[in-house]
């Protein structure tokens, strides 16, 4: 379950970061501030990739506790 959330955060952050960068350089019109999209996308992308690298999945934790 944690891995699924991490993948969603990483993919959503990457999409938001790309849209924000494209909005900053003027090639895409977005309804909100492109700087806000870029900053939030960067934060979500880093948190998603960090969770993917460091967190164990809940199934693995349950299996370790049952030993």
PDB file of N, CA and C in Angstrom:
ATOM      1  N   UNK A   1       0.818  -1.188   0.000  1.00  0.00           N
ATOM      2  CA  UNK A   1       0.000   0.000   0.000  1.00  0.00           C
ATOM      3  C   UNK A   1       0.867   1.259   0.000  1.00  0.00           C
ATOM      4  N   UNK A   2       1.962   1.220   0.721  1.00  0.00           N
ATOM      5  CA  UNK A   2       2.852   2.374   0.770  1.00  0.00           C
ATOM      6  C   UNK A   2       3.516   2.595  -0.586  1.00  0.00           C
ATOM      7  N   UNK A   3       3.866   1.505  -1.255  1.00  0.00           N
ATOM      8  CA  UNK A   3       4.494   1.627  -2.570  1.00  0.00           C
ATOM      9  C   UNK A   3       3.530   2.232  -3.588  1.00  0.00           C
ATOM     10  N   UNK A   4       2.247   1.894  -3.487  1.00  0.00           N
ATOM     11  CA  UNK A   4       1.258   2.454  -4.410  1.00  0.00           C
ATOM     12  C   UNK A   4       1.141   3.961  -4.198  1.00  0.00           C
ATOM     13  N   UNK A   5       1.090   4.389  -2.946  1.00  0.00           N
ATOM     14  CA  UNK A   5       1.035   5.818  -2.640  1.00  0.00           C
ATOM     15  C   UNK A   5       2.296   6.529  -3.133  1.00  0.00           C
ATOM     16  N   UNK A   6       3.434   5.893  -2.966  1.00  0.00           N
ATOM     17  CA  UNK A   6       4.690   6.497  -3.416  1.00  0.00           C
ATOM     18  C   UNK A   6       4.717   6.644  -4.931  1.00  0.00           C
ATOM     19  N   UNK A   7       4.215   5.648  -5.646  1.00  0.00           N
ATOM     20  CA  UNK A   7       4.183   5.738  -7.111  1.00  0.00           C
ATOM     21  C   UNK A   7       3.231   6.839  -7.553  1.00  0.00           C
ATOM     22  N   UNK A   8       2.080   6.949  -6.887  1.00  0.00           N
ATOM     23  CA  UNK A   8       1.125   8.008  -7.222  1.00  0.00           C
ATOM     24  C   UNK A   8       1.738   9.385  -6.973  1.00  0.00           C
ATOM     25  N   UNK A   9       2.427   9.542  -5.852  1.00  0.00           N
ATOM     26  CA  UNK A   9       3.082  10.821  -5.554  1.00  0.00           C
ATOM     27  C   UNK A   9       4.164  11.145  -6.581  1.00  0.00           C
ATOM     28  N   UNK A  10       4.962  10.158  -6.946  1.00  0.00           N
ATOM     29  CA  UNK A  10       6.055  10.399  -7.893  1.00  0.00           C
ATOM     30  C   UNK A  10       5.519  10.752  -9.279  1.00  0.00           C
ATOM     31  N   UNK A  11       4.522  10.016  -9.746  1.00  0.00           N
ATOM     32  CA  UNK A  11       3.970  10.289 -11.076  1.00  0.00           C
ATOM     33  C   UNK A  11       3.229  11.622 -11.092  1.00  0.00           C
ATOM     34  N   UNK A  12       2.412  11.869 -10.073  1.00  0.00           N
ATOM     35  CA  UNK A  12       1.707  13.147  -9.991  1.00  0.00           C
ATOM     36  C   UNK A  12       2.661  14.326  -9.865  1.00  0.00           C
ATOM     37  N   UNK A  13       3.705  14.139  -9.089  1.00  0.00           N
ATOM     38  CA  UNK A  13       4.704  15.198  -8.950  1.00  0.00           C
ATOM     39  C   UNK A  13       5.445  15.463 -10.244  1.00  0.00           C
ATOM     40  N   UNK A  14       5.761  14.406 -10.977  1.00  0.00           N
ATOM     41  CA  UNK A  14       6.457  14.584 -12.254  1.00  0.00           C
ATOM     42  C   UNK A  14       5.575  15.320 -13.254  1.00  0.00           C
ATOM     43  N   UNK A  15       4.294  14.960 -13.304  1.00  0.00           N
ATOM     44  CA  UNK A  15       3.376  15.640 -14.224  1.00  0.00           C
ATOM     45  C   UNK A  15       3.232  17.108 -13.846  1.00  0.00           C
ATOM     46  N   UNK A  16       3.076  17.377 -12.557  1.00  0.00           N
ATOM     47  CA  UNK A  16       2.939  18.753 -12.093  1.00  0.00           C
ATOM     48  C   UNK A  16       4.213  19.558 -12.339  1.00  0.00           C
ATOM     49  N   UNK A  17       5.347  18.926 -12.130  1.00  0.00           N
ATOM     50  CA  UNK A  17       6.628  19.608 -12.364  1.00  0.00           C
ATOM     51  C   UNK A  17       6.795  19.952 -13.843  1.00  0.00           C
ATOM     52  N   UNK A  18       6.454  19.034 -14.722  1.00  0.00           N
ATOM     53  CA  UNK A  18       6.567  19.294 -16.162  1.00  0.00           C
ATOM     54  C   UNK A  18       5.615  20.410 -16.584  1.00  0.00           C
ATOM     55  N   UNK A  19       4.376  20.360 -16.087  1.00  0.00           N
ATOM     56  CA  UNK A  19       3.422  21.412 -16.436  1.00  0.00           C
ATOM     57  C   UNK A  19       3.866  22.768 -15.896  1.00  0.00           C
ATOM     58  N   UNK A  20       4.435  22.781 -14.693  1.00  0.00           N
ATOM     59  CA  UNK A  20       4.916  24.031 -14.122  1.00  0.00           C
ATOM     60  C   UNK A  20       6.085  24.616 -14.895  1.00  0.00           C
ATOM     61  N   UNK A  21       7.021  23.770 -15.272  1.00  0.00           N
ATOM     62  CA  UNK A  21       8.181  24.250 -16.040  1.00  0.00           C
ATOM     63  C   UNK A  21       7.746  24.748 -17.411  1.00  0.00           C
ATOM     64  N   UNK A  22       6.822  24.017 -18.051  1.00  0.00           N
ATOM     65  CA  UNK A  22       6.322  24.472 -19.353  1.00  0.00           C
ATOM     66  C   UNK A  22       5.560  25.789 -19.212  1.00  0.00           C
ATOM     67  N   UNK A  23       4.840  25.970 -18.115  1.00  0.00           N
ATOM     68  CA  UNK A  23       4.126  27.223 -17.885  1.00  0.00           C
ATOM     69  C   UNK A  23       5.065  28.387 -17.605  1.00  0.00           C
ATOM     70  N   UNK A  24       6.153  28.104 -16.907  1.00  0.00           N
ATOM     71  CA  UNK A  24       7.130  29.161 -16.608  1.00  0.00           C
ATOM     72  C   UNK A  24       7.771  29.685 -17.892  1.00  0.00           C
ATOM     73  N   UNK A  25       8.080  28.778 -18.814  1.00  0.00           N
ATOM     74  CA  UNK A  25       8.739  29.187 -20.042  1.00  0.00           C
ATOM     75  C   UNK A  25       7.756  29.584 -21.137  1.00  0.00           C
ATOM     76  N   UNK A  26       6.466  29.602 -20.830  1.00  0.00           N
ATOM     77  CA  UNK A  26       5.478  30.188 -21.712  1.00  0.00           C
ATOM     78  C   UNK A  26       4.914  29.297 -22.790  1.00  0.00           C
ATOM     79  N   UNK A  27       5.225  28.021 -22.800  1.00  0.00           N
ATOM     80  CA  UNK A  27       4.704  27.179 -23.874  1.00  0.00           C
ATOM     81  C   UNK A  27       3.406  26.482 -23.495  1.00  0.00           C
ATOM     82  N   UNK A  28       2.894  26.737 -22.280  1.00  0.00           N
ATOM     83  CA  UNK A  28       1.647  26.107 -21.862  1.00  0.00           C
ATOM     84  C   UNK A  28       0.911  27.066 -20.921  1.00  0.00           C
ATOM     85  N   UNK A  29      -0.364  27.292 -21.191  1.00  0.00           N
ATOM     86  CA  UNK A  29      -1.181  28.148 -20.327  1.00  0.00           C
ATOM     87  C   UNK A  29      -1.929  27.264 -19.335  1.00  0.00           C
ATOM     88  N   UNK A  30      -1.704  27.516 -18.046  1.00  0.00           N
ATOM     89  CA  UNK A  30      -2.337  26.750 -16.985  1.00  0.00           C
ATOM     90  C   UNK A  30      -3.182  27.721 -16.166  1.00  0.00           C
ATOM     91  N   UNK A  31      -4.252  27.214 -15.550  1.00  0.00           N
ATOM     92  CA  UNK A  31      -5.159  28.067 -14.797  1.00  0.00           C
ATOM     93  C   UNK A  31      -4.588  28.599 -13.499  1.00  0.00           C
ATOM     94  N   UNK A  32      -3.546  27.974 -12.976  1.00  0.00           N
ATOM     95  CA  UNK A  32      -2.931  28.414 -11.720  1.00  0.00           C
ATOM     96  C   UNK A  32      -1.512  28.894 -12.008  1.00  0.00           C
ATOM     97  N   UNK A  33      -0.874  29.409 -10.988  1.00  0.00           N
ATOM     98  CA  UNK A  33       0.482  29.912 -11.143  1.00  0.00           C
ATOM     99  C   UNK A  33       1.444  28.779 -11.519  1.00  0.00           C
ATOM    100  N   UNK A  34       2.213  28.962 -12.562  1.00  0.00           N
ATOM    101  CA  UNK A  34       3.143  27.897 -12.947  1.00  0.00           C
ATOM    102  C   UNK A  34       4.241  27.676 -11.908  1.00  0.00           C
ATOM    103  N   UNK A  35       4.585  28.715 -11.162  1.00  0.00           N
ATOM    104  CA  UNK A  35       5.593  28.544 -10.113  1.00  0.00           C
ATOM    105  C   UNK A  35       5.074  27.648  -9.006  1.00  0.00           C
ATOM    106  N   UNK A  36       3.792  27.796  -8.672  1.00  0.00           N
ATOM    107  CA  UNK A  36       3.202  26.929  -7.650  1.00  0.00           C
ATOM    108  C   UNK A  36       3.185  25.483  -8.119  1.00  0.00           C
ATOM    109  N   UNK A  37       2.846  25.248  -9.380  1.00  0.00           N
ATOM    110  CA  UNK A  37       2.869  23.893  -9.921  1.00  0.00           C
ATOM    111  C   UNK A  37       4.264  23.299  -9.893  1.00  0.00           C
ATOM    112  N   UNK A  38       5.251  24.091 -10.266  1.00  0.00           N
ATOM    113  CA  UNK A  38       6.625  23.588 -10.306  1.00  0.00           C
ATOM    114  C   UNK A  38       7.126  23.248  -8.900  1.00  0.00           C
ATOM    115  N   UNK A  39       6.844  24.108  -7.947  1.00  0.00           N
ATOM    116  CA  UNK A  39       7.314  23.872  -6.573  1.00  0.00           C
ATOM    117  C   UNK A  39       6.610  22.672  -5.953  1.00  0.00           C
ATOM    118  N   UNK A  40       5.287  22.606  -6.087  1.00  0.00           N
ATOM    119  CA  UNK A  40       4.560  21.462  -5.536  1.00  0.00           C
ATOM    120  C   UNK A  40       4.929  20.167  -6.253  1.00  0.00           C
ATOM    121  N   UNK A  41       5.126  20.243  -7.564  1.00  0.00           N
ATOM    122  CA  UNK A  41       5.549  19.062  -8.306  1.00  0.00           C
ATOM    123  C   UNK A  41       6.897  18.555  -7.840  1.00  0.00           C
ATOM    124  N   UNK A  42       7.821  19.473  -7.582  1.00  0.00           N
ATOM    125  CA  UNK A  42       9.145  19.103  -7.087  1.00  0.00           C
ATOM    126  C   UNK A  42       9.048  18.433  -5.720  1.00  0.00           C
ATOM    127  N   UNK A  43       8.227  18.993  -4.834  1.00  0.00           N
ATOM    128  CA  UNK A  43       8.070  18.431  -3.484  1.00  0.00           C
ATOM    129  C   UNK A  43       7.431  17.042  -3.546  1.00  0.00           C
ATOM    130  N   UNK A  44       6.353  16.901  -4.330  1.00  0.00           N
ATOM    131  CA  UNK A  44       5.691  15.601  -4.433  1.00  0.00           C
ATOM    132  C   UNK A  44       6.585  14.561  -5.096  1.00  0.00           C
ATOM    133  N   UNK A  45       7.338  14.964  -6.116  1.00  0.00           N
ATOM    134  CA  UNK A  45       8.222  14.027  -6.795  1.00  0.00           C
ATOM    135  C   UNK A  45       9.320  13.540  -5.852  1.00  0.00           C
ATOM    136  N   UNK A  46       9.912  14.447  -5.102  1.00  0.00           N
ATOM    137  CA  UNK A  46      10.964  14.043  -4.157  1.00  0.00           C
ATOM    138  C   UNK A  46      10.407  13.159  -3.038  1.00  0.00           C
ATOM    139  N   UNK A  47       9.227  13.485  -2.545  1.00  0.00           N
ATOM    140  CA  UNK A  47       8.659  12.657  -1.479  1.00  0.00           C
ATOM    141  C   UNK A  47       8.284  11.275  -2.005  1.00  0.00           C
ATOM    142  N   UNK A  48       7.770  11.187  -3.214  1.00  0.00           N
ATOM    143  CA  UNK A  48       7.430   9.895  -3.795  1.00  0.00           C
ATOM    144  C   UNK A  48       8.644   9.023  -4.035  1.00  0.00           C
ATOM    145  N   UNK A  49       9.694   9.598  -4.594  1.00  0.00           N
ATOM    146  CA  UNK A  49      10.904   8.808  -4.840  1.00  0.00           C
ATOM    147  C   UNK A  49      11.588   8.443  -3.529  1.00  0.00           C
ATOM    148  N   UNK A  50      11.537   9.323  -2.553  1.00  0.00           N
ATOM    149  CA  UNK A  50      12.112   8.999  -1.245  1.00  0.00           C
ATOM    150  C   UNK A  50      11.379   7.858  -0.566  1.00  0.00           C
ATOM    151  N   UNK A  51      10.052   7.861  -0.681  1.00  0.00           N
ATOM    152  CA  UNK A  51       9.275   6.763  -0.110  1.00  0.00           C
ATOM    153  C   UNK A  51       9.551   5.457  -0.839  1.00  0.00           C
ATOM    154  N   UNK A  52       9.720   5.516  -2.145  1.00  0.00           N
ATOM    155  CA  UNK A  52      10.010   4.296  -2.896  1.00  0.00           C
ATOM    156  C   UNK A  52      11.353   3.697  -2.494  1.00  0.00           C
ATOM    157  N   UNK A  53      12.315   4.549  -2.210  1.00  0.00           N
ATOM    158  CA  UNK A  53      13.651   4.054  -1.858  1.00  0.00           C
ATOM    159  C   UNK A  53      13.744   3.549  -0.428  1.00  0.00           C
ATOM    160  N   UNK A  54      13.045   4.197   0.502  1.00  0.00           N
ATOM    161  CA  UNK A  54      13.325   3.910   1.911  1.00  0.00           C
ATOM    162  C   UNK A  54      12.258   3.098   2.636  1.00  0.00           C
ATOM    163  N   UNK A  55      11.039   3.087   2.179  1.00  0.00           N
ATOM    164  CA  UNK A  55       9.956   2.444   2.921  1.00  0.00           C
ATOM    165  C   UNK A  55       9.758   0.998   2.483  1.00  0.00           C
ATOM    166  N   UNK A  56       9.473   0.161   3.473  1.00  0.00           N
ATOM    167  CA  UNK A  56       9.070  -1.205   3.171  1.00  0.00           C
ATOM    168  C   UNK A  56       7.570  -1.222   2.951  1.00  0.00           C
ATOM    169  N   UNK A  57       7.114  -2.127   2.118  1.00  0.00           N
ATOM    170  CA  UNK A  57       5.688  -2.239   1.867  1.00  0.00           C
ATOM    171  C   UNK A  57       5.003  -2.911   3.059  1.00  0.00           C
ATOM    172  N   UNK A  58       3.717  -2.679   3.224  1.00  0.00           N
ATOM    173  CA  UNK A  58       3.001  -3.216   4.378  1.00  0.00           C
ATOM    174  C   UNK A  58       2.962  -4.734   4.363  1.00  0.00           C
ATOM    175  N   UNK A  59       2.941  -5.360   3.190  1.00  0.00           N
ATOM    176  CA  UNK A  59       2.964  -6.823   3.114  1.00  0.00           C
ATOM    177  C   UNK A  59       4.275  -7.380   3.657  1.00  0.00           C
ATOM    178  N   UNK A  60       5.379  -6.705   3.372  1.00  0.00           N
ATOM    179  CA  UNK A  60       6.687  -7.154   3.865  1.00  0.00           C
ATOM    180  C   UNK A  60       6.760  -7.014   5.385  1.00  0.00           C
ATOM    181  N   UNK A  61       6.209  -5.943   5.907  1.00  0.00           N
ATOM    182  CA  UNK A  61       6.230  -5.723   7.359  1.00  0.00           C
ATOM    183  C   UNK A  61       5.396  -6.778   8.058  1.00  0.00           C
ATOM    184  N   UNK A  62       4.217  -7.117   7.520  1.00  0.00           N
ATOM    185  CA  UNK A  62       3.382  -8.157   8.115  1.00  0.00           C
ATOM    186  C   UNK A  62       4.085  -9.521   8.087  1.00  0.00           C
ATOM    187  N   UNK A  63       4.770  -9.825   6.995  1.00  0.00           N
ATOM    188  CA  UNK A  63       5.480 -11.093   6.880  1.00  0.00           C
ATOM    189  C   UNK A  63       6.636 -11.183   7.876  1.00  0.00           C
ATOM    190  N   UNK A  64       7.325 -10.071   8.107  1.00  0.00           N
ATOM    191  CA  UNK A  64       8.428 -10.060   9.071  1.00  0.00           C
ATOM    192  C   UNK A  64       7.905 -10.203  10.491  1.00  0.00           C
ATOM    193  N   UNK A  65       6.750  -9.645  10.791  1.00  0.00           N
ATOM    194  CA  UNK A  65       6.191  -9.750  12.136  1.00  0.00           C
ATOM    195  C   UNK A  65       5.652 -11.137  12.441  1.00  0.00           C
ATOM    196  N   UNK A  66       5.254 -11.885  11.426  1.00  0.00           N
ATOM    197  CA  UNK A  66       4.704 -13.234  11.624  1.00  0.00           C
ATOM    198  C   UNK A  66       5.784 -14.283  11.818  1.00  0.00           C
ATOM    199  N   UNK A  67       7.036 -13.960  11.584  1.00  0.00           N
ATOM    200  CA  UNK A  67       8.123 -14.948  11.736  1.00  0.00           C
ATOM    201  C   UNK A  67       8.377 -15.275  13.172  1.00  0.00           C
TER     202      UNK A  67
END
